Amino acid sequence: MHSSSSCKTGTRHSHPSSWRMSWLQERKQFVKALLSNPSAIGAVSPSGPALAAAITAAVPAKAGKVLELGCGTGVFTRELLRKGVHPSRLVLVEQDSGMSSSLKTQFPEAAVLQVSAQDLSRHLHPELDGIDAAICGLPLRNMSGAHHHQLLTAVFEAMRPGAAMHFFTYGVRCPISKNVLDACGLSARRERFVPLNLPPASVYSLNRL
C-alpha cells in the first residue's frame, strides 16, 4: 500500500478535482488503514511522488487496460492519470473497505474491485480481460511464497502477451523467490532505485520468459 503528497491539478481529464485528495485526508486514511491491518500496509510512512513516477514510468499514456493492485489512497493511480491514462481504462484492486470506497469516489470511471489480490479471477471478475500493464503496491515482503504464486498466476493470466507487472520493494533483493518465478515462468529485473522515497525503494518489473 502506499500514499503520497497532494497531487497537482490535472489537465487531461475533464474533472481533475474528483481525483484530488488533500495532504491531511490522505494521511488520515493511511494511518487508519495502518492501525487496522499493519501487515497489509507494509510501510510506516506514505510513498512519495518520486516512487510514483518511477513505478509508472514504463506505462505508456496510450496504454489499454491498466491493473493496479493495492491502490491504497490512490497515489499511483493519480500518477497514471497525470501520464494520460484514461480513468475508464483502470482496474483498481483494494481490499481495505475504507480505501476502496474512497477510490470509487475519486475515480468514478474506473473499475474498483474490493477483493484480496490473491483471490482475483477472470471468471469472477470480467474486468480483468485484456490487461496491458500492471502496477503493484502490495507489501510483497509480507506475503508467503504460496500467495506470491497465486497472485502472479492470476495477474499474468489476465495480461496480454508481452505485458509486464511493475512493483516496488524496500528490501535489498527481489521479494519473490526464484522458485516461484520459475514455477510461474517469469523473470524479474530491477529497473530503478528511488533514494528520494522514505524509505528508499527499488522498482522491479516482471515479464514472461
Protein backbone atom coordinates (compact mmCIF):
# COMPACT_ATOMS: atom_id res chain seq x y z
CA MET A 1 0.00 0.00 0.00
CA HIS A 2 1.05 3.50 -0.47
CA SER A 3 0.19 7.14 -0.17
CA SER A 4 1.60 10.46 -1.31
CA SER A 5 1.54 14.22 -1.13
CA SER A 6 -1.36 16.10 -2.67
CA CYS A 7 -1.44 15.91 -6.45
CA LYS A 8 -1.18 18.67 -8.99
CA THR A 9 -4.13 19.86 -10.99
CA GLY A 10 -4.70 17.55 -13.96
CA THR A 11 -5.17 18.80 -17.49
CA ARG A 12 -6.02 15.69 -19.49
CA HIS A 13 -9.38 14.84 -17.94
CA SER A 14 -12.46 16.98 -17.62
CA HIS A 15 -12.93 16.70 -13.86
CA PRO A 16 -9.50 16.51 -12.19
CA SER A 17 -10.94 17.72 -8.86
CA SER A 18 -12.68 14.36 -8.47
CA TRP A 19 -9.30 12.60 -8.06
CA ARG A 20 -7.61 15.08 -5.78
CA MET A 21 -7.11 14.42 -2.10
CA SER A 22 -5.74 16.80 0.49
CA TRP A 23 -2.49 16.03 2.29
CA LEU A 24 -4.34 15.68 5.60
CA GLN A 25 -7.10 13.45 4.18
CA GLU A 26 -4.57 11.14 2.63
CA ARG A 27 -2.51 10.73 5.78
CA LYS A 28 -5.55 10.20 7.96
CA GLN A 29 -6.72 7.44 5.63
CA PHE A 30 -3.25 5.89 5.54
CA VAL A 31 -2.87 5.89 9.35
CA LYS A 32 -6.36 4.43 9.83
CA ALA A 33 -5.55 1.54 7.47
CA LEU A 34 -2.12 1.05 9.06
CA LEU A 35 -3.59 0.75 12.55
CA SER A 36 -6.32 -1.57 11.30
CA ASN A 37 -4.05 -4.01 9.46
CA PRO A 38 -0.30 -3.22 9.61
CA SER A 39 0.81 -6.28 7.62
CA ALA A 40 -1.42 -5.29 4.70
CA ILE A 41 0.16 -1.83 4.51
CA GLY A 42 3.81 -2.86 4.78
CA ALA A 43 5.16 0.64 5.43
CA VAL A 44 5.33 3.13 8.26
CA SER A 45 5.25 6.19 6.02
CA PRO A 46 3.45 7.05 2.78
CA SER A 47 5.16 6.57 -0.57
CA GLY A 48 6.30 9.75 -2.27
CA PRO A 49 5.95 11.27 -5.75
CA ALA A 50 9.40 10.05 -6.84
CA LEU A 51 8.34 6.43 -6.31
CA ALA A 52 5.01 7.03 -8.03
CA ALA A 53 6.82 8.41 -11.07
CA ALA A 54 9.32 5.54 -11.10
CA ILE A 55 6.81 2.68 -10.84
CA THR A 56 4.57 4.10 -13.59
CA ALA A 57 7.42 5.15 -15.90
CA ALA A 58 7.06 2.15 -18.22
CA VAL A 59 3.29 2.53 -18.66
CA PRO A 60 2.59 4.46 -21.88
CA ALA A 61 -0.02 7.22 -21.89
CA LYS A 62 -1.97 5.35 -24.57
CA ALA A 63 -1.93 2.06 -22.68
CA GLY A 64 -5.06 -0.05 -22.87
CA LYS A 65 -6.30 -1.53 -19.61
CA VAL A 66 -4.04 -0.96 -16.61
CA LEU A 67 -4.41 -3.11 -13.50
CA GLU A 68 -3.34 -1.65 -10.15
CA LEU A 69 -3.04 -3.89 -7.10
CA GLY A 70 -3.12 -2.49 -3.57
CA CYS A 71 -4.07 1.04 -4.60
CA GLY A 72 -4.21 2.47 -1.07
CA THR A 73 -5.07 6.15 -1.18
CA GLY A 74 -4.54 6.33 -4.95
CA VAL A 75 -1.10 7.90 -5.32
CA PHE A 76 -0.02 5.60 -8.16
CA THR A 77 -3.49 5.93 -9.70
CA ARG A 78 -3.20 9.70 -9.81
CA GLU A 79 0.23 9.41 -11.40
CA LEU A 80 -1.23 7.20 -14.13
CA LEU A 81 -3.88 9.84 -14.79
CA ARG A 82 -1.25 12.57 -14.91
CA LYS A 83 0.57 10.48 -17.53
CA GLY A 84 -2.59 10.50 -19.64
CA VAL A 85 -4.05 7.05 -18.97
CA HIS A 86 -7.83 7.41 -19.19
CA PRO A 87 -9.65 6.58 -15.93
CA SER A 88 -12.09 4.28 -17.72
CA ARG A 89 -9.12 2.03 -18.59
CA LEU A 90 -8.15 1.48 -14.95
CA VAL A 91 -8.94 -1.65 -12.94
CA LEU A 92 -8.21 -0.86 -9.27
CA VAL A 93 -7.92 -3.62 -6.68
CA GLU A 94 -8.06 -2.65 -3.00
CA GLN A 95 -9.13 -4.94 -0.16
CA ASP A 96 -9.49 -2.29 2.58
CA SER A 97 -13.12 -1.16 2.66
CA GLY A 98 -12.40 2.47 3.57
CA MET A 99 -9.77 2.90 0.89
CA SER A 100 -11.87 1.05 -1.68
CA SER A 101 -14.80 3.38 -1.00
CA SER A 102 -12.53 6.41 -1.37
CA LEU A 103 -11.19 5.11 -4.69
CA LYS A 104 -14.73 4.80 -6.04
CA THR A 105 -15.37 8.43 -5.09
CA GLN A 106 -12.08 9.70 -6.51
CA PHE A 107 -12.18 7.69 -9.73
CA PRO A 108 -15.84 7.06 -10.64
CA GLU A 109 -14.97 5.99 -14.20
CA ALA A 110 -12.56 3.26 -13.06
CA ALA A 111 -13.49 -0.32 -12.17
CA VAL A 112 -12.83 -0.75 -8.43
CA LEU A 113 -12.67 -4.30 -7.06
CA GLN A 114 -12.79 -4.70 -3.28
CA VAL A 115 -11.13 -8.09 -3.12
CA SER A 116 -7.88 -9.65 -1.98
CA ALA A 117 -5.40 -9.62 -4.88
CA GLN A 118 -4.71 -13.33 -4.32
CA ASP A 119 -8.40 -14.05 -4.99
CA LEU A 120 -8.54 -12.36 -8.40
CA SER A 121 -10.08 -14.46 -11.15
CA ARG A 122 -11.08 -13.65 -14.72
CA HIS A 123 -14.08 -15.92 -14.24
CA LEU A 124 -15.34 -13.88 -11.27
CA HIS A 125 -14.02 -10.51 -12.45
CA PRO A 126 -14.53 -9.98 -16.21
CA GLU A 127 -12.92 -6.55 -15.85
CA LEU A 128 -9.58 -8.38 -15.86
CA ASP A 129 -9.79 -9.42 -19.51
CA GLY A 130 -7.11 -7.88 -21.72
CA ILE A 131 -4.82 -6.15 -19.22
CA ASP A 132 -1.91 -4.34 -20.92
CA ALA A 133 0.13 -3.40 -17.83
CA ALA A 134 0.02 -3.97 -14.08
CA ILE A 135 1.24 -1.84 -11.17
CA CYS A 136 1.60 -3.46 -7.75
CA GLY A 137 1.66 -1.54 -4.48
CA LEU A 138 1.19 -4.60 -2.28
CA PRO A 139 3.67 -5.37 0.53
CA LEU A 140 5.11 -8.43 -1.19
CA ARG A 141 7.72 -8.99 1.53
CA ASN A 142 4.85 -9.67 3.96
CA MET A 143 3.35 -12.37 1.74
CA SER A 144 4.19 -16.07 1.58
CA GLY A 145 5.59 -17.84 -1.46
CA ALA A 146 2.24 -19.58 -1.92
CA HIS A 147 0.48 -16.21 -2.01
CA HIS A 148 3.04 -14.89 -4.48
CA HIS A 149 2.38 -17.86 -6.77
CA GLN A 150 -1.40 -17.43 -6.50
CA LEU A 151 -1.19 -13.69 -7.15
CA LEU A 152 1.19 -13.88 -10.12
CA THR A 153 -0.77 -16.69 -11.74
CA ALA A 154 -3.97 -14.62 -11.59
CA VAL A 155 -2.29 -11.43 -12.83
CA PHE A 156 -0.44 -12.95 -15.78
CA GLU A 157 -3.47 -14.99 -16.84
CA ALA A 158 -5.28 -11.64 -17.18
CA MET A 159 -2.50 -9.85 -19.08
CA ARG A 160 -1.88 -9.80 -22.80
CA PRO A 161 1.31 -11.36 -24.25
CA GLY A 162 4.26 -9.07 -23.70
CA ALA A 163 2.64 -7.19 -20.80
CA ALA A 164 4.66 -6.63 -17.62
CA MET A 165 3.94 -6.12 -13.94
CA HIS A 166 5.82 -3.38 -12.07
CA PHE A 167 6.27 -3.37 -8.30
CA PHE A 168 8.46 -1.85 -5.60
CA THR A 169 10.19 -3.15 -2.51
CA TYR A 170 12.06 -1.64 0.42
CA GLY A 171 14.27 -4.72 0.62
CA VAL A 172 17.74 -5.21 -0.85
CA ARG A 173 16.63 -8.02 -3.18
CA CYS A 174 13.58 -9.16 -5.10
CA PRO A 175 10.93 -10.33 -2.59
CA ILE A 176 9.71 -13.07 -4.93
CA SER A 177 11.79 -16.24 -4.77
CA LYS A 178 13.43 -17.81 -7.80
CA ASN A 179 11.38 -20.97 -7.20
CA VAL A 180 8.14 -19.02 -7.52
CA LEU A 181 9.38 -17.09 -10.55
CA ASP A 182 10.43 -20.33 -12.27
CA ALA A 183 7.12 -22.00 -11.44
CA CYS A 184 5.22 -19.07 -12.95
CA GLY A 185 7.51 -18.80 -15.99
CA LEU A 186 8.59 -15.26 -15.12
CA SER A 187 11.77 -13.24 -14.86
CA ALA A 188 12.36 -10.30 -12.50
CA ARG A 189 14.52 -7.28 -13.31
CA ARG A 190 15.42 -4.35 -11.11
CA GLU A 191 14.59 -1.22 -13.09
CA ARG A 192 15.22 1.72 -10.78
CA PHE A 193 16.40 2.72 -7.34
CA VAL A 194 14.47 5.59 -5.73
CA PRO A 195 16.64 7.14 -2.99
CA LEU A 196 14.31 10.10 -2.53
CA ASN A 197 11.49 7.93 -1.25
CA LEU A 198 11.14 7.39 2.51
CA PRO A 199 12.33 4.72 2.98
CA PRO A 200 14.35 4.32 -0.25
CA ALA A 201 12.82 1.76 -2.60
CA SER A 202 13.67 -0.32 -5.66
CA VAL A 203 11.33 -0.76 -8.63
CA TYR A 204 11.21 -4.15 -10.41
CA SER A 205 9.47 -5.46 -13.48
CA LEU A 206 8.17 -8.98 -14.03
CA ASN A 207 7.96 -10.42 -17.53
CA ARG A 208 7.12 -13.77 -19.06
CA LEU A 209 10.11 -15.84 -20.13
